[in-house]
């Protein structure tokens, strides 16, 4: 999965949050859900490379990941009938976990996702 190598650490963190939501059966995902999942795991990672999690940055990362072919876009409607962009993994979640488990900053988050998937 060469495209994962071309993403930066923040985009990889966002991708892990999408994997977590996917494994939990909460797809398609919206930027709000991904932001909440990412914020919940900030303490699990070494975040020196990118600092905190802002929703606008998550939205940009989701777009980049979709452009890279790691996510696909799905259209959903909000309660008011407005279309909101939603995303689904375009790759196998296990493949992403395997690629990122060796990254020093993401190892604990990958372990958490795998532990939750096993429950």
C-alpha atoms as a PDB file:
ATOM      1  CA  UNK A   1       0.000   0.000   0.000  1.00  0.00           C
ATOM      2  CA  UNK A   2       2.377   2.661  -1.286  1.00  0.00           C
ATOM      3  CA  UNK A   3      -0.238   5.405  -1.014  1.00  0.00           C
ATOM      4  CA  UNK A   4      -0.078   5.176   2.774  1.00  0.00           C
ATOM      5  CA  UNK A   5       3.615   6.057   2.608  1.00  0.00           C
ATOM      6  CA  UNK A   6       2.751   9.300   0.831  1.00  0.00           C
ATOM      7  CA  UNK A   7       0.459  10.495   3.639  1.00  0.00           C
ATOM      8  CA  UNK A   8       1.703  12.567   6.559  1.00  0.00           C
ATOM      9  CA  UNK A   9       1.441  11.532  10.198  1.00  0.00           C
ATOM     10  CA  UNK A  10      -1.737  13.518  10.845  1.00  0.00           C
ATOM     11  CA  UNK A  11      -3.465  11.924   7.835  1.00  0.00           C
ATOM     12  CA  UNK A  12      -2.378   8.493   9.066  1.00  0.00           C
ATOM     13  CA  UNK A  13      -3.822   9.305  12.504  1.00  0.00           C
ATOM     14  CA  UNK A  14      -7.113  10.323  10.873  1.00  0.00           C
ATOM     15  CA  UNK A  15      -7.053   7.107   8.830  1.00  0.00           C
ATOM     16  CA  UNK A  16      -6.611   5.094  12.049  1.00  0.00           C
ATOM     17  CA  UNK A  17      -9.669   6.859  13.472  1.00  0.00           C
ATOM     18  CA  UNK A  18     -11.648   5.831  10.367  1.00  0.00           C
ATOM     19  CA  UNK A  19     -10.388   2.248  10.815  1.00  0.00           C
ATOM     20  CA  UNK A  20     -11.517   2.325  14.456  1.00  0.00           C
ATOM     21  CA  UNK A  21     -15.009   3.497  13.497  1.00  0.00           C
ATOM     22  CA  UNK A  22     -15.158   0.947  10.657  1.00  0.00           C
ATOM     23  CA  UNK A  23     -14.196  -1.940  12.951  1.00  0.00           C
ATOM     24  CA  UNK A  24     -16.912  -0.752  15.366  1.00  0.00           C
ATOM     25  CA  UNK A  25     -19.446  -0.894  12.499  1.00  0.00           C
ATOM     26  CA  UNK A  26     -20.021   2.870  12.433  1.00  0.00           C
ATOM     27  CA  UNK A  27     -19.748   3.579   8.725  1.00  0.00           C
ATOM     28  CA  UNK A  28     -19.997   5.649   6.678  1.00  0.00           C
ATOM     29  CA  UNK A  29     -18.132   8.144   8.861  1.00  0.00           C
ATOM     30  CA  UNK A  30     -18.514  11.908   8.954  1.00  0.00           C
ATOM     31  CA  UNK A  31     -15.822  14.418   9.840  1.00  0.00           C
ATOM     32  CA  UNK A  32     -17.425  15.070  13.234  1.00  0.00           C
ATOM     33  CA  UNK A  33     -17.277  11.375  14.200  1.00  0.00           C
ATOM     34  CA  UNK A  34     -13.679  11.054  13.013  1.00  0.00           C
ATOM     35  CA  UNK A  35     -12.685  14.189  14.944  1.00  0.00           C
ATOM     36  CA  UNK A  36     -14.247  12.818  18.135  1.00  0.00           C
ATOM     37  CA  UNK A  37     -12.544   9.434  17.700  1.00  0.00           C
ATOM     38  CA  UNK A  38      -9.182  11.091  17.043  1.00  0.00           C
ATOM     39  CA  UNK A  39      -9.483  13.402  20.056  1.00  0.00           C
ATOM     40  CA  UNK A  40     -10.306  10.414  22.257  1.00  0.00           C
ATOM     41  CA  UNK A  41      -6.967   8.829  21.340  1.00  0.00           C
ATOM     42  CA  UNK A  42      -4.612  11.796  21.480  1.00  0.00           C
ATOM     43  CA  UNK A  43      -3.108  10.443  24.689  1.00  0.00           C
ATOM     44  CA  UNK A  44      -2.426   7.084  22.982  1.00  0.00           C
ATOM     45  CA  UNK A  45       0.024   8.580  20.508  1.00  0.00           C
ATOM     46  CA  UNK A  46       3.121  10.706  20.291  1.00  0.00           C
ATOM     47  CA  UNK A  47       1.555  13.777  18.746  1.00  0.00           C
ATOM     48  CA  UNK A  48       4.641  15.953  18.499  1.00  0.00           C
ATOM     49  CA  UNK A  49       4.550  15.842  14.702  1.00  0.00           C
ATOM     50  CA  UNK A  50       1.149  17.543  14.445  1.00  0.00           C
ATOM     51  CA  UNK A  51      -0.184  18.862  17.774  1.00  0.00           C
ATOM     52  CA  UNK A  52      -3.944  18.790  18.391  1.00  0.00           C
ATOM     53  CA  UNK A  53      -6.967  17.805  16.353  1.00  0.00           C
ATOM     54  CA  UNK A  54      -9.044  20.498  14.682  1.00  0.00           C
ATOM     55  CA  UNK A  55     -12.127  19.565  12.678  1.00  0.00           C
ATOM     56  CA  UNK A  56     -11.102  21.607   9.628  1.00  0.00           C
ATOM     57  CA  UNK A  57      -7.791  19.736   9.531  1.00  0.00           C
ATOM     58  CA  UNK A  58      -9.652  16.428   9.811  1.00  0.00           C
ATOM     59  CA  UNK A  59     -11.898  17.435   6.892  1.00  0.00           C
ATOM     60  CA  UNK A  60      -8.828  18.282   4.787  1.00  0.00           C
ATOM     61  CA  UNK A  61      -7.164  14.986   5.778  1.00  0.00           C
ATOM     62  CA  UNK A  62     -10.293  13.006   4.842  1.00  0.00           C
ATOM     63  CA  UNK A  63     -10.282  14.657   1.408  1.00  0.00           C
ATOM     64  CA  UNK A  64      -6.588  13.886   0.943  1.00  0.00           C
ATOM     65  CA  UNK A  65      -7.097  10.262   1.977  1.00  0.00           C
ATOM     66  CA  UNK A  66     -10.007   9.965  -0.469  1.00  0.00           C
ATOM     67  CA  UNK A  67      -7.899  11.486  -3.252  1.00  0.00           C
ATOM     68  CA  UNK A  68      -5.170   8.958  -2.435  1.00  0.00           C
ATOM     69  CA  UNK A  69      -7.668   6.114  -2.868  1.00  0.00           C
ATOM     70  CA  UNK A  70      -7.634   5.042   0.802  1.00  0.00           C
ATOM     71  CA  UNK A  71     -11.216   6.218   1.386  1.00  0.00           C
ATOM     72  CA  UNK A  72     -14.303   6.390  -0.792  1.00  0.00           C
ATOM     73  CA  UNK A  73     -16.925   9.096  -0.535  1.00  0.00           C
ATOM     74  CA  UNK A  74     -20.506   8.244   0.321  1.00  0.00           C
ATOM     75  CA  UNK A  75     -23.375  10.714   0.353  1.00  0.00           C
ATOM     76  CA  UNK A  76     -25.684  10.798   3.335  1.00  0.00           C
ATOM     77  CA  UNK A  77     -28.394  13.216   4.301  1.00  0.00           C
ATOM     78  CA  UNK A  78     -28.661  15.067   7.552  1.00  0.00           C
ATOM     79  CA  UNK A  79     -31.970  15.524   9.352  1.00  0.00           C
ATOM     80  CA  UNK A  80     -32.442  18.787   7.457  1.00  0.00           C
ATOM     81  CA  UNK A  81     -31.966  17.055   4.109  1.00  0.00           C
ATOM     82  CA  UNK A  82     -28.552  18.533   3.389  1.00  0.00           C
ATOM     83  CA  UNK A  83     -26.003  16.205   1.850  1.00  0.00           C
ATOM     84  CA  UNK A  84     -22.987  15.741   4.095  1.00  0.00           C
ATOM     85  CA  UNK A  85     -19.827  14.099   2.834  1.00  0.00           C
ATOM     86  CA  UNK A  86     -19.213  10.766   4.468  1.00  0.00           C
ATOM     87  CA  UNK A  87     -16.380   8.323   3.973  1.00  0.00           C
ATOM     88  CA  UNK A  88     -15.739   4.595   3.990  1.00  0.00           C
ATOM     89  CA  UNK A  89     -12.479   2.686   3.880  1.00  0.00           C
ATOM     90  CA  UNK A  90     -11.429   1.695   0.386  1.00  0.00           C
ATOM     91  CA  UNK A  91      -8.800  -0.692   1.772  1.00  0.00           C
ATOM     92  CA  UNK A  92      -8.785  -3.567   4.230  1.00  0.00           C
ATOM     93  CA  UNK A  93      -8.688  -2.285   7.843  1.00  0.00           C
ATOM     94  CA  UNK A  94      -6.195  -4.982   8.827  1.00  0.00           C
ATOM     95  CA  UNK A  95      -3.848  -3.849   6.062  1.00  0.00           C
ATOM     96  CA  UNK A  96      -3.836  -0.303   7.491  1.00  0.00           C
ATOM     97  CA  UNK A  97      -3.257  -1.604  11.030  1.00  0.00           C
ATOM     98  CA  UNK A  98      -0.387  -3.784   9.865  1.00  0.00           C
ATOM     99  CA  UNK A  99       1.235  -0.888   7.999  1.00  0.00           C
ATOM    100  CA  UNK A 100       0.977   1.487  10.974  1.00  0.00           C
ATOM    101  CA  UNK A 101       1.625  -0.836  13.915  1.00  0.00           C
ATOM    102  CA  UNK A 102       5.355  -0.471  13.412  1.00  0.00           C
ATOM    103  CA  UNK A 103       5.166   3.323  13.550  1.00  0.00           C
ATOM    104  CA  UNK A 104       6.407   4.256  16.992  1.00  0.00           C
ATOM    105  CA  UNK A 105       3.828   6.985  17.463  1.00  0.00           C
ATOM    106  CA  UNK A 106       0.815   4.836  16.470  1.00  0.00           C
ATOM    107  CA  UNK A 107       1.585   1.452  18.058  1.00  0.00           C
ATOM    108  CA  UNK A 108      -0.586   1.931  21.183  1.00  0.00           C
ATOM    109  CA  UNK A 109      -3.557   3.198  19.113  1.00  0.00           C
ATOM    110  CA  UNK A 110      -3.278   0.194  16.755  1.00  0.00           C
ATOM    111  CA  UNK A 111      -3.245  -2.121  19.796  1.00  0.00           C
ATOM    112  CA  UNK A 112      -6.356  -0.411  21.180  1.00  0.00           C
ATOM    113  CA  UNK A 113      -8.221  -0.851  17.870  1.00  0.00           C
ATOM    114  CA  UNK A 114      -7.237  -4.532  17.668  1.00  0.00           C
ATOM    115  CA  UNK A 115      -8.262  -5.123  21.301  1.00  0.00           C
ATOM    116  CA  UNK A 116     -11.665  -3.505  20.706  1.00  0.00           C
ATOM    117  CA  UNK A 117     -12.159  -5.548  17.528  1.00  0.00           C
ATOM    118  CA  UNK A 118     -11.503  -8.743  19.458  1.00  0.00           C
ATOM    119  CA  UNK A 119     -14.195  -7.953  22.056  1.00  0.00           C
END
